[in-house]
Amino acid sequence: MNWRVKFRLFQVSTYGIVFADIAVFAVLTGKYIETVALFISFVTLRYAFGKTYHSQSFWWCIFISCLIFAIAITFMPNKGVSILSCVAFGLIIDYLAYKYKDYDDLIRQRNKPFNVDTCTQAELISRCDEIHLSEENKKLAIEFFIKKTKHSELADILCIDEKSITVRKHRLKQKLNKKI
């Protein structure tokens, strides 16, 4: 079997674990229609949000999915109250996954070390302000690391030796990449 077939079988078995969990809780609670409405709303509404949380660990992701559906099915009102409440539960799950992903991205970004070689111009300017660089050094940093201006061009503009530009770039890079 080639690797693509194996991967597809793996995906199907993964979904099978989650579907089995959903089916077990639907049977235990007797909420068959509600469970179907919850699952359909969850799957369709999740694309209304730009992103959603996914764990880095496969088994942790399966566990979280099973747990969330088990809790939602258990506490979801029965169809006698309103079938729309099932849709609301699906929407709430999607919204919470979106907000958690936002929070997770923020934490990862905060813990990610700054790097002038991979930053955007906005991130570079923010970093320059954070470490209180002068306006001249901020402009130079943009020329060095964003626009990638040649040293010889900058040396001509500033009327200094090209070696001085190289040293200045090196010092700026060290200062900007230094962990605060």
N, C-alpha and C. Protein backbone atom coordinates (compact mmCIF):
# COMPACT_ATOMS: atom_id res chain seq x y z
N MET A 1 0.84 -1.18 0.00
CA MET A 1 0.00 0.00 0.00
C MET A 1 0.88 1.24 0.00
N ASN A 2 0.52 2.22 -0.84
CA ASN A 2 1.36 3.41 -0.84
C ASN A 2 0.98 4.30 0.34
N TRP A 3 1.80 5.32 0.60
CA TRP A 3 1.64 6.14 1.79
C TRP A 3 0.35 6.95 1.77
N ARG A 4 -0.13 7.35 0.59
CA ARG A 4 -1.37 8.14 0.52
C ARG A 4 -2.58 7.31 0.94
N VAL A 5 -2.61 6.06 0.54
CA VAL A 5 -3.71 5.18 0.92
C VAL A 5 -3.67 4.96 2.43
N LYS A 6 -2.47 4.74 2.97
CA LYS A 6 -2.33 4.54 4.41
C LYS A 6 -2.78 5.78 5.18
N PHE A 7 -2.43 6.96 4.66
CA PHE A 7 -2.82 8.21 5.32
C PHE A 7 -4.33 8.36 5.31
N ARG A 8 -4.98 8.08 4.20
CA ARG A 8 -6.45 8.17 4.11
C ARG A 8 -7.12 7.19 5.08
N LEU A 9 -6.60 5.97 5.16
CA LEU A 9 -7.15 4.99 6.10
C LEU A 9 -6.98 5.48 7.54
N PHE A 10 -5.85 6.11 7.81
CA PHE A 10 -5.59 6.66 9.13
C PHE A 10 -6.59 7.77 9.45
N GLN A 11 -6.86 8.65 8.48
CA GLN A 11 -7.82 9.73 8.68
C GLN A 11 -9.22 9.17 8.94
N VAL A 12 -9.61 8.18 8.16
CA VAL A 12 -10.93 7.57 8.33
C VAL A 12 -11.05 6.94 9.71
N SER A 13 -10.00 6.25 10.16
CA SER A 13 -10.04 5.62 11.48
C SER A 13 -10.08 6.69 12.58
N THR A 14 -9.42 7.82 12.35
CA THR A 14 -9.45 8.92 13.31
C THR A 14 -10.87 9.45 13.46
N TYR A 15 -11.50 9.74 12.33
CA TYR A 15 -12.88 10.21 12.37
C TYR A 15 -13.79 9.14 12.97
N GLY A 16 -13.46 7.90 12.74
CA GLY A 16 -14.24 6.80 13.30
C GLY A 16 -14.25 6.82 14.81
N ILE A 17 -13.12 7.14 15.43
CA ILE A 17 -13.03 7.22 16.90
C ILE A 17 -13.97 8.31 17.41
N VAL A 18 -13.93 9.47 16.77
CA VAL A 18 -14.78 10.59 17.20
C VAL A 18 -16.25 10.26 16.95
N PHE A 19 -16.56 9.69 15.78
CA PHE A 19 -17.95 9.31 15.48
C PHE A 19 -18.46 8.27 16.48
N ALA A 20 -17.61 7.32 16.86
CA ALA A 20 -18.01 6.30 17.83
C ALA A 20 -18.34 6.95 19.17
N ASP A 21 -17.53 7.90 19.59
CA ASP A 21 -17.79 8.62 20.83
C ASP A 21 -19.12 9.36 20.74
N ILE A 22 -19.34 10.04 19.64
CA ILE A 22 -20.60 10.77 19.47
C ILE A 22 -21.78 9.81 19.50
N ALA A 23 -21.65 8.68 18.81
CA ALA A 23 -22.74 7.70 18.76
C ALA A 23 -23.03 7.13 20.15
N VAL A 24 -22.00 6.83 20.91
CA VAL A 24 -22.18 6.28 22.27
C VAL A 24 -22.96 7.27 23.13
N PHE A 25 -22.58 8.55 23.11
CA PHE A 25 -23.29 9.52 23.93
C PHE A 25 -24.69 9.81 23.41
N ALA A 26 -24.88 9.69 22.10
CA ALA A 26 -26.24 9.85 21.56
C ALA A 26 -27.14 8.73 22.07
N VAL A 27 -26.61 7.51 22.09
CA VAL A 27 -27.39 6.37 22.58
C VAL A 27 -27.62 6.48 24.09
N LEU A 28 -26.58 6.83 24.84
CA LEU A 28 -26.71 6.94 26.30
C LEU A 28 -27.72 8.00 26.72
N THR A 29 -27.77 9.09 25.98
CA THR A 29 -28.67 10.19 26.35
C THR A 29 -30.00 10.13 25.62
N GLY A 30 -30.06 9.33 24.56
CA GLY A 30 -31.29 9.24 23.77
C GLY A 30 -31.53 10.47 22.91
N LYS A 31 -30.49 11.22 22.65
CA LYS A 31 -30.60 12.47 21.87
C LYS A 31 -30.04 12.26 20.47
N TYR A 32 -30.72 11.46 19.67
CA TYR A 32 -30.24 11.12 18.33
C TYR A 32 -30.33 12.31 17.38
N ILE A 33 -31.50 12.90 17.28
CA ILE A 33 -31.71 14.03 16.36
C ILE A 33 -30.88 15.23 16.81
N GLU A 34 -30.85 15.46 18.11
CA GLU A 34 -30.09 16.58 18.65
C GLU A 34 -28.60 16.42 18.34
N THR A 35 -28.11 15.19 18.46
CA THR A 35 -26.69 14.92 18.19
C THR A 35 -26.37 15.16 16.72
N VAL A 36 -27.22 14.72 15.84
CA VAL A 36 -27.00 14.95 14.40
C VAL A 36 -27.01 16.45 14.11
N ALA A 37 -27.98 17.18 14.68
CA ALA A 37 -28.05 18.63 14.49
C ALA A 37 -26.80 19.31 15.04
N LEU A 38 -26.33 18.87 16.20
CA LEU A 38 -25.12 19.43 16.80
C LEU A 38 -23.92 19.20 15.89
N PHE A 39 -23.76 17.97 15.42
CA PHE A 39 -22.60 17.65 14.60
C PHE A 39 -22.63 18.42 13.28
N ILE A 40 -23.77 18.47 12.64
CA ILE A 40 -23.88 19.19 11.36
C ILE A 40 -23.61 20.67 11.56
N SER A 41 -24.16 21.26 12.61
CA SER A 41 -23.91 22.68 12.86
C SER A 41 -22.45 22.93 13.20
N PHE A 42 -21.86 22.02 13.97
CA PHE A 42 -20.44 22.17 14.31
C PHE A 42 -19.57 22.16 13.06
N VAL A 43 -19.79 21.19 12.19
CA VAL A 43 -18.96 21.05 10.99
C VAL A 43 -19.17 22.20 10.03
N THR A 44 -20.40 22.62 9.83
CA THR A 44 -20.66 23.68 8.85
C THR A 44 -20.32 25.07 9.38
N LEU A 45 -20.58 25.33 10.64
CA LEU A 45 -20.33 26.66 11.19
C LEU A 45 -18.87 26.93 11.50
N ARG A 46 -18.06 25.90 11.63
CA ARG A 46 -16.66 26.13 11.97
C ARG A 46 -15.92 26.90 10.88
N TYR A 47 -16.43 26.83 9.65
CA TYR A 47 -15.79 27.55 8.55
C TYR A 47 -16.20 29.02 8.51
N ALA A 48 -17.11 29.41 9.38
CA ALA A 48 -17.49 30.82 9.50
C ALA A 48 -16.39 31.60 10.23
N PHE A 49 -15.54 30.88 10.95
CA PHE A 49 -14.44 31.50 11.68
C PHE A 49 -13.15 31.29 10.89
N GLY A 50 -12.25 32.23 11.00
CA GLY A 50 -11.01 32.17 10.23
C GLY A 50 -10.07 31.05 10.62
N LYS A 51 -10.16 30.62 11.85
CA LYS A 51 -9.25 29.58 12.33
C LYS A 51 -9.92 28.84 13.47
N THR A 52 -9.37 27.70 13.80
CA THR A 52 -9.89 26.91 14.90
C THR A 52 -8.73 26.19 15.57
N TYR A 53 -8.90 25.85 16.81
CA TYR A 53 -7.82 25.20 17.57
C TYR A 53 -7.62 23.76 17.13
N HIS A 54 -6.37 23.38 16.96
CA HIS A 54 -5.98 21.99 16.74
C HIS A 54 -4.76 21.72 17.61
N SER A 55 -4.83 20.66 18.38
CA SER A 55 -3.72 20.31 19.25
C SER A 55 -2.55 19.80 18.43
N GLN A 56 -1.34 19.98 18.94
CA GLN A 56 -0.15 19.47 18.26
C GLN A 56 -0.07 17.95 18.35
N SER A 57 -0.64 17.40 19.40
CA SER A 57 -0.62 15.95 19.61
C SER A 57 -1.90 15.33 19.04
N PHE A 58 -1.74 14.30 18.23
CA PHE A 58 -2.88 13.63 17.61
C PHE A 58 -3.83 13.07 18.66
N TRP A 59 -3.32 12.34 19.62
CA TRP A 59 -4.18 11.70 20.62
C TRP A 59 -4.83 12.72 21.54
N TRP A 60 -4.14 13.79 21.84
CA TRP A 60 -4.73 14.85 22.66
C TRP A 60 -5.88 15.50 21.89
N CYS A 61 -5.71 15.69 20.59
CA CYS A 61 -6.76 16.26 19.75
C CYS A 61 -8.00 15.36 19.74
N ILE A 62 -7.80 14.06 19.61
CA ILE A 62 -8.91 13.10 19.63
C ILE A 62 -9.60 13.15 20.99
N PHE A 63 -8.81 13.16 22.06
CA PHE A 63 -9.37 13.21 23.41
C PHE A 63 -10.22 14.47 23.62
N ILE A 64 -9.68 15.63 23.23
CA ILE A 64 -10.40 16.89 23.40
C ILE A 64 -11.70 16.87 22.60
N SER A 65 -11.63 16.39 21.35
CA SER A 65 -12.84 16.33 20.51
C SER A 65 -13.90 15.44 21.15
N CYS A 66 -13.50 14.27 21.59
CA CYS A 66 -14.45 13.34 22.22
C CYS A 66 -15.04 13.95 23.50
N LEU A 67 -14.20 14.57 24.30
CA LEU A 67 -14.66 15.17 25.55
C LEU A 67 -15.65 16.31 25.29
N ILE A 68 -15.33 17.17 24.34
CA ILE A 68 -16.21 18.30 24.04
C ILE A 68 -17.56 17.81 23.56
N PHE A 69 -17.57 16.84 22.65
CA PHE A 69 -18.85 16.34 22.15
C PHE A 69 -19.62 15.61 23.26
N ALA A 70 -18.92 14.88 24.10
CA ALA A 70 -19.60 14.18 25.20
C ALA A 70 -20.28 15.18 26.13
N ILE A 71 -19.58 16.23 26.49
CA ILE A 71 -20.15 17.26 27.37
C ILE A 71 -21.31 17.97 26.68
N ALA A 72 -21.11 18.34 25.43
CA ALA A 72 -22.16 19.07 24.70
C ALA A 72 -23.43 18.23 24.56
N ILE A 73 -23.27 16.96 24.20
CA ILE A 73 -24.44 16.08 24.03
C ILE A 73 -25.15 15.88 25.37
N THR A 74 -24.38 15.72 26.43
CA THR A 74 -24.96 15.50 27.75
C THR A 74 -25.78 16.69 28.22
N PHE A 75 -25.27 17.89 28.05
CA PHE A 75 -25.94 19.08 28.58
C PHE A 75 -26.87 19.78 27.59
N MET A 76 -26.90 19.32 26.36
CA MET A 76 -27.76 19.93 25.35
C MET A 76 -29.23 19.61 25.68
N PRO A 77 -30.11 20.62 25.59
CA PRO A 77 -31.52 20.35 25.84
C PRO A 77 -32.09 19.41 24.78
N ASN A 78 -33.15 18.68 25.12
CA ASN A 78 -33.71 17.76 24.13
C ASN A 78 -34.52 18.52 23.09
N LYS A 79 -34.88 17.83 22.01
CA LYS A 79 -35.55 18.47 20.89
C LYS A 79 -36.91 19.05 21.26
N GLY A 80 -37.47 18.62 22.39
CA GLY A 80 -38.73 19.18 22.85
C GLY A 80 -38.62 20.66 23.19
N VAL A 81 -37.42 21.06 23.65
CA VAL A 81 -37.20 22.48 23.97
C VAL A 81 -37.05 23.25 22.66
N SER A 82 -36.05 22.88 21.88
CA SER A 82 -35.84 23.51 20.59
C SER A 82 -34.66 22.84 19.90
N ILE A 83 -34.86 22.51 18.64
CA ILE A 83 -33.77 21.91 17.86
C ILE A 83 -32.70 22.97 17.57
N LEU A 84 -33.08 24.25 17.60
CA LEU A 84 -32.11 25.33 17.36
C LEU A 84 -31.08 25.42 18.48
N SER A 85 -31.43 24.93 19.65
CA SER A 85 -30.44 24.95 20.74
C SER A 85 -29.25 24.07 20.38
N CYS A 86 -29.47 23.02 19.60
CA CYS A 86 -28.37 22.15 19.16
C CYS A 86 -27.43 22.92 18.24
N VAL A 87 -28.02 23.73 17.37
CA VAL A 87 -27.22 24.57 16.47
C VAL A 87 -26.43 25.59 17.30
N ALA A 88 -27.09 26.14 18.31
CA ALA A 88 -26.41 27.10 19.18
C ALA A 88 -25.22 26.45 19.89
N PHE A 89 -25.39 25.21 20.34
CA PHE A 89 -24.28 24.49 20.98
C PHE A 89 -23.11 24.31 20.01
N GLY A 90 -23.43 23.94 18.76
CA GLY A 90 -22.37 23.80 17.74
C GLY A 90 -21.65 25.11 17.50
N LEU A 91 -22.41 26.20 17.44
CA LEU A 91 -21.83 27.52 17.24
C LEU A 91 -20.95 27.91 18.43
N ILE A 92 -21.41 27.62 19.62
CA ILE A 92 -20.62 27.94 20.82
C ILE A 92 -19.30 27.17 20.82
N ILE A 93 -19.34 25.90 20.46
CA ILE A 93 -18.11 25.09 20.40
C ILE A 93 -17.14 25.70 19.39
N ASP A 94 -17.65 26.04 18.21
CA ASP A 94 -16.79 26.64 17.17
C ASP A 94 -16.22 27.97 17.63
N TYR A 95 -17.04 28.79 18.27
CA TYR A 95 -16.59 30.09 18.73
C TYR A 95 -15.50 29.94 19.80
N LEU A 96 -15.71 29.02 20.74
CA LEU A 96 -14.70 28.81 21.78
C LEU A 96 -13.39 28.27 21.19
N ALA A 97 -13.49 27.39 20.18
CA ALA A 97 -12.27 26.89 19.53
C ALA A 97 -11.54 28.03 18.82
N TYR A 98 -12.30 28.93 18.21
CA TYR A 98 -11.71 30.09 17.54
C TYR A 98 -11.02 31.01 18.55
N LYS A 99 -11.70 31.33 19.66
CA LYS A 99 -11.11 32.21 20.66
C LYS A 99 -9.89 31.58 21.32
N TYR A 100 -9.94 30.27 21.56
CA TYR A 100 -8.78 29.61 22.16
C TYR A 100 -7.60 29.63 21.19
N LYS A 101 -7.87 29.44 19.90
CA LYS A 101 -6.79 29.49 18.90
C LYS A 101 -6.19 30.88 18.87
N ASP A 102 -7.02 31.92 18.96
CA ASP A 102 -6.54 33.30 19.03
C ASP A 102 -5.60 33.48 20.22
N TYR A 103 -6.04 33.00 21.38
CA TYR A 103 -5.24 33.09 22.60
C TYR A 103 -3.94 32.30 22.45
N ASP A 104 -4.03 31.10 21.90
CA ASP A 104 -2.86 30.25 21.70
C ASP A 104 -1.85 30.92 20.76
N ASP A 105 -2.33 31.53 19.69
CA ASP A 105 -1.46 32.24 18.76
C ASP A 105 -0.77 33.41 19.44
N LEU A 106 -1.52 34.12 20.27
CA LEU A 106 -0.96 35.27 21.00
C LEU A 106 0.16 34.83 21.94
N ILE A 107 -0.07 33.75 22.67
CA ILE A 107 0.94 33.24 23.60
C ILE A 107 2.17 32.76 22.84
N ARG A 108 1.97 32.04 21.75
CA ARG A 108 3.10 31.56 20.94
C ARG A 108 3.90 32.73 20.38
N GLN A 109 3.19 33.77 19.91
CA GLN A 109 3.86 34.94 19.35
C GLN A 109 4.67 35.65 20.43
N ARG A 110 4.10 35.74 21.63
CA ARG A 110 4.78 36.41 22.72
C ARG A 110 6.04 35.65 23.14
N ASN A 111 6.00 34.32 23.07
CA ASN A 111 7.13 33.50 23.49
C ASN A 111 8.14 33.27 22.37
N LYS A 112 7.78 33.64 21.16
CA LYS A 112 8.67 33.44 20.01
C LYS A 112 9.76 34.52 20.03
N PRO A 113 11.02 34.12 19.96
CA PRO A 113 12.08 35.13 19.97
C PRO A 113 12.03 35.98 18.69
N PHE A 114 12.33 37.26 18.85
CA PHE A 114 12.33 38.17 17.71
C PHE A 114 13.52 37.85 16.82
N ASN A 115 13.31 37.93 15.51
CA ASN A 115 14.38 37.67 14.56
C ASN A 115 14.25 38.65 13.40
N VAL A 116 15.28 39.47 13.18
CA VAL A 116 15.23 40.47 12.11
C VAL A 116 15.17 39.83 10.72
N ASP A 117 15.60 38.59 10.60
CA ASP A 117 15.62 37.93 9.29
C ASP A 117 14.23 37.44 8.88
N THR A 118 13.31 37.30 9.82
CA THR A 118 11.99 36.76 9.50
C THR A 118 10.83 37.69 9.87
N CYS A 119 11.14 38.85 10.42
CA CYS A 119 10.07 39.75 10.88
C CYS A 119 9.47 40.56 9.74
N THR A 120 8.28 41.09 9.98
CA THR A 120 7.65 42.01 9.04
C THR A 120 8.08 43.43 9.40
N GLN A 121 7.74 44.37 8.53
CA GLN A 121 8.11 45.76 8.80
C GLN A 121 7.41 46.26 10.06
N ALA A 122 6.15 45.91 10.22
CA ALA A 122 5.41 46.35 11.42
C ALA A 122 6.04 45.78 12.69
N GLU A 123 6.44 44.50 12.64
CA GLU A 123 7.07 43.88 13.81
C GLU A 123 8.42 44.54 14.10
N LEU A 124 9.16 44.89 13.04
CA LEU A 124 10.46 45.53 13.22
C LEU A 124 10.30 46.91 13.85
N ILE A 125 9.35 47.68 13.36
CA ILE A 125 9.11 49.02 13.93
C ILE A 125 8.68 48.91 15.38
N SER A 126 7.81 47.95 15.67
CA SER A 126 7.37 47.73 17.05
C SER A 126 8.55 47.37 17.94
N ARG A 127 9.43 46.53 17.43
CA ARG A 127 10.61 46.12 18.20
C ARG A 127 11.55 47.31 18.43
N CYS A 128 11.74 48.13 17.40
CA CYS A 128 12.59 49.32 17.52
C CYS A 128 12.05 50.25 18.61
N ASP A 129 10.72 50.43 18.61
CA ASP A 129 10.10 51.27 19.64
C ASP A 129 10.25 50.64 21.03
N GLU A 130 10.13 49.32 21.07
CA GLU A 130 10.22 48.60 22.34
C GLU A 130 11.58 48.77 23.00
N ILE A 131 12.64 48.77 22.19
CA ILE A 131 13.99 48.91 22.76
C ILE A 131 14.51 50.35 22.65
N HIS A 132 13.63 51.27 22.29
CA HIS A 132 13.91 52.71 22.27
C HIS A 132 15.06 53.09 21.33
N LEU A 133 15.00 52.59 20.09
CA LEU A 133 15.99 52.99 19.09
C LEU A 133 15.64 54.38 18.57
N SER A 134 16.66 55.10 18.16
CA SER A 134 16.43 56.44 17.58
C SER A 134 15.74 56.29 16.22
N GLU A 135 15.18 57.41 15.74
CA GLU A 135 14.51 57.40 14.43
C GLU A 135 15.49 57.02 13.33
N GLU A 136 16.72 57.50 13.44
CA GLU A 136 17.74 57.19 12.43
C GLU A 136 18.02 55.68 12.40
N ASN A 137 18.19 55.09 13.58
CA ASN A 137 18.45 53.65 13.64
C ASN A 137 17.24 52.83 13.18
N LYS A 138 16.06 53.34 13.47
CA LYS A 138 14.84 52.66 13.02
C LYS A 138 14.79 52.63 11.49
N LYS A 139 15.09 53.77 10.87
CA LYS A 139 15.10 53.86 9.40
C LYS A 139 16.19 52.95 8.82
N LEU A 140 17.34 52.94 9.46
CA LEU A 140 18.42 52.06 9.01
C LEU A 140 18.03 50.59 9.12
N ALA A 141 17.38 50.23 10.21
CA ALA A 141 16.94 48.84 10.40
C ALA A 141 15.99 48.43 9.28
N ILE A 142 15.09 49.32 8.91
CA ILE A 142 14.17 49.02 7.80
C ILE A 142 14.94 48.83 6.51
N GLU A 143 15.92 49.71 6.27
CA GLU A 143 16.75 49.59 5.06
C GLU A 143 17.55 48.27 5.06
N PHE A 144 18.12 47.92 6.20
CA PHE A 144 18.93 46.70 6.31
C PHE A 144 18.09 45.43 6.18
N PHE A 145 17.06 45.32 7.01
CA PHE A 145 16.40 44.03 7.20
C PHE A 145 15.09 43.84 6.44
N ILE A 146 14.45 44.92 6.03
CA ILE A 146 13.20 44.80 5.27
C ILE A 146 13.46 45.05 3.79
N LYS A 147 14.06 46.21 3.48
CA LYS A 147 14.30 46.55 2.07
C LYS A 147 15.55 45.87 1.50
N LYS A 148 16.42 45.40 2.39
CA LYS A 148 17.66 44.71 2.01
C LYS A 148 18.52 45.58 1.08
N THR A 149 18.62 46.86 1.43
CA THR A 149 19.41 47.81 0.66
C THR A 149 20.89 47.43 0.72
N LYS A 150 21.58 47.58 -0.40
CA LYS A 150 23.01 47.24 -0.46
C LYS A 150 23.80 48.16 0.46
N HIS A 151 24.84 47.62 1.03
CA HIS A 151 25.70 48.39 1.94
C HIS A 151 26.34 49.56 1.21
N SER A 152 26.74 49.33 -0.02
CA SER A 152 27.40 50.40 -0.78
C SER A 152 26.46 51.58 -1.00
N GLU A 153 25.18 51.32 -1.25
CA GLU A 153 24.20 52.40 -1.44
C GLU A 153 24.02 53.19 -0.14
N LEU A 154 23.91 52.49 0.97
CA LEU A 154 23.75 53.17 2.25
C LEU A 154 25.00 53.97 2.63
N ALA A 155 26.15 53.42 2.32
CA ALA A 155 27.41 54.13 2.60
C ALA A 155 27.47 55.43 1.81
N ASP A 156 27.02 55.40 0.55
CA ASP A 156 27.00 56.62 -0.27
C ASP A 156 26.01 57.64 0.28
N ILE A 157 24.84 57.18 0.69
CA ILE A 157 23.81 58.09 1.22
C ILE A 157 24.30 58.75 2.51
N LEU A 158 24.91 57.97 3.38
CA LEU A 158 25.35 58.49 4.69
C LEU A 158 26.75 59.09 4.66
N CYS A 159 27.42 58.98 3.51
CA CYS A 159 28.79 59.49 3.34
C CYS A 159 29.75 58.91 4.37
N ILE A 160 29.67 57.61 4.53
CA ILE A 160 30.60 56.91 5.43
C ILE A 160 31.14 55.68 4.70
N ASP A 161 32.16 55.08 5.29
CA ASP A 161 32.80 53.91 4.73
C ASP A 161 31.85 52.71 4.76
N GLU A 162 31.96 51.83 3.77
CA GLU A 162 31.10 50.64 3.69
C GLU A 162 31.32 49.72 4.89
N LYS A 163 32.54 49.68 5.39
CA LYS A 163 32.84 48.85 6.57
C LYS A 163 32.05 49.34 7.78
N SER A 164 31.87 50.64 7.89
CA SER A 164 31.09 51.21 9.00
C SER A 164 29.62 50.77 8.91
N ILE A 165 29.12 50.69 7.69
CA ILE A 165 27.73 50.22 7.48
C ILE A 165 27.61 48.77 7.92
N THR A 166 28.59 47.95 7.57
CA THR A 166 28.57 46.53 7.94
C THR A 166 28.58 46.38 9.46
N VAL A 167 29.43 47.16 10.14
CA VAL A 167 29.51 47.11 11.59
C VAL A 167 28.20 47.58 12.22
N ARG A 168 27.64 48.64 11.68
CA ARG A 168 26.38 49.17 12.21
C ARG A 168 25.25 48.16 12.05
N LYS A 169 25.21 47.51 10.89
CA LYS A 169 24.18 46.50 10.66
C LYS A 169 24.32 45.36 11.67
N HIS A 170 25.54 44.91 11.87
CA HIS A 170 25.79 43.82 12.81
C HIS A 170 25.35 44.22 14.23
N ARG A 171 25.67 45.43 14.65
CA ARG A 171 25.30 45.89 15.98
C ARG A 171 23.79 46.04 16.12
N LEU A 172 23.14 46.57 15.08
CA LEU A 172 21.68 46.70 15.11
C LEU A 172 21.03 45.33 15.21
N LYS A 173 21.55 44.37 14.45
CA LYS A 173 20.99 43.02 14.45
C LYS A 173 21.10 42.42 15.85
N GLN A 174 22.27 42.56 16.47
CA GLN A 174 22.47 42.04 17.82
C GLN A 174 21.50 42.70 18.81
N LYS A 175 21.38 44.01 18.72
CA LYS A 175 20.52 44.74 19.64
C LYS A 175 19.06 44.35 19.45
N LEU A 176 18.61 44.22 18.21
CA LEU A 176 17.22 43.90 17.93
C LEU A 176 16.88 42.45 18.30
N ASN A 177 17.80 41.54 18.05
CA ASN A 177 17.53 40.11 18.33
C ASN A 177 17.75 39.73 19.79
N LYS A 178 18.37 40.63 20.56
CA LYS A 178 18.67 40.34 21.95
C LYS A 178 17.37 40.16 22.74
N LYS A 179 17.32 39.12 23.54
CA LYS A 179 16.14 38.85 24.37
C LYS A 179 16.09 39.87 25.50
N ILE A 180 14.91 40.42 25.69
CA ILE A 180 14.74 41.45 26.72
C ILE A 180 14.40 40.82 28.05
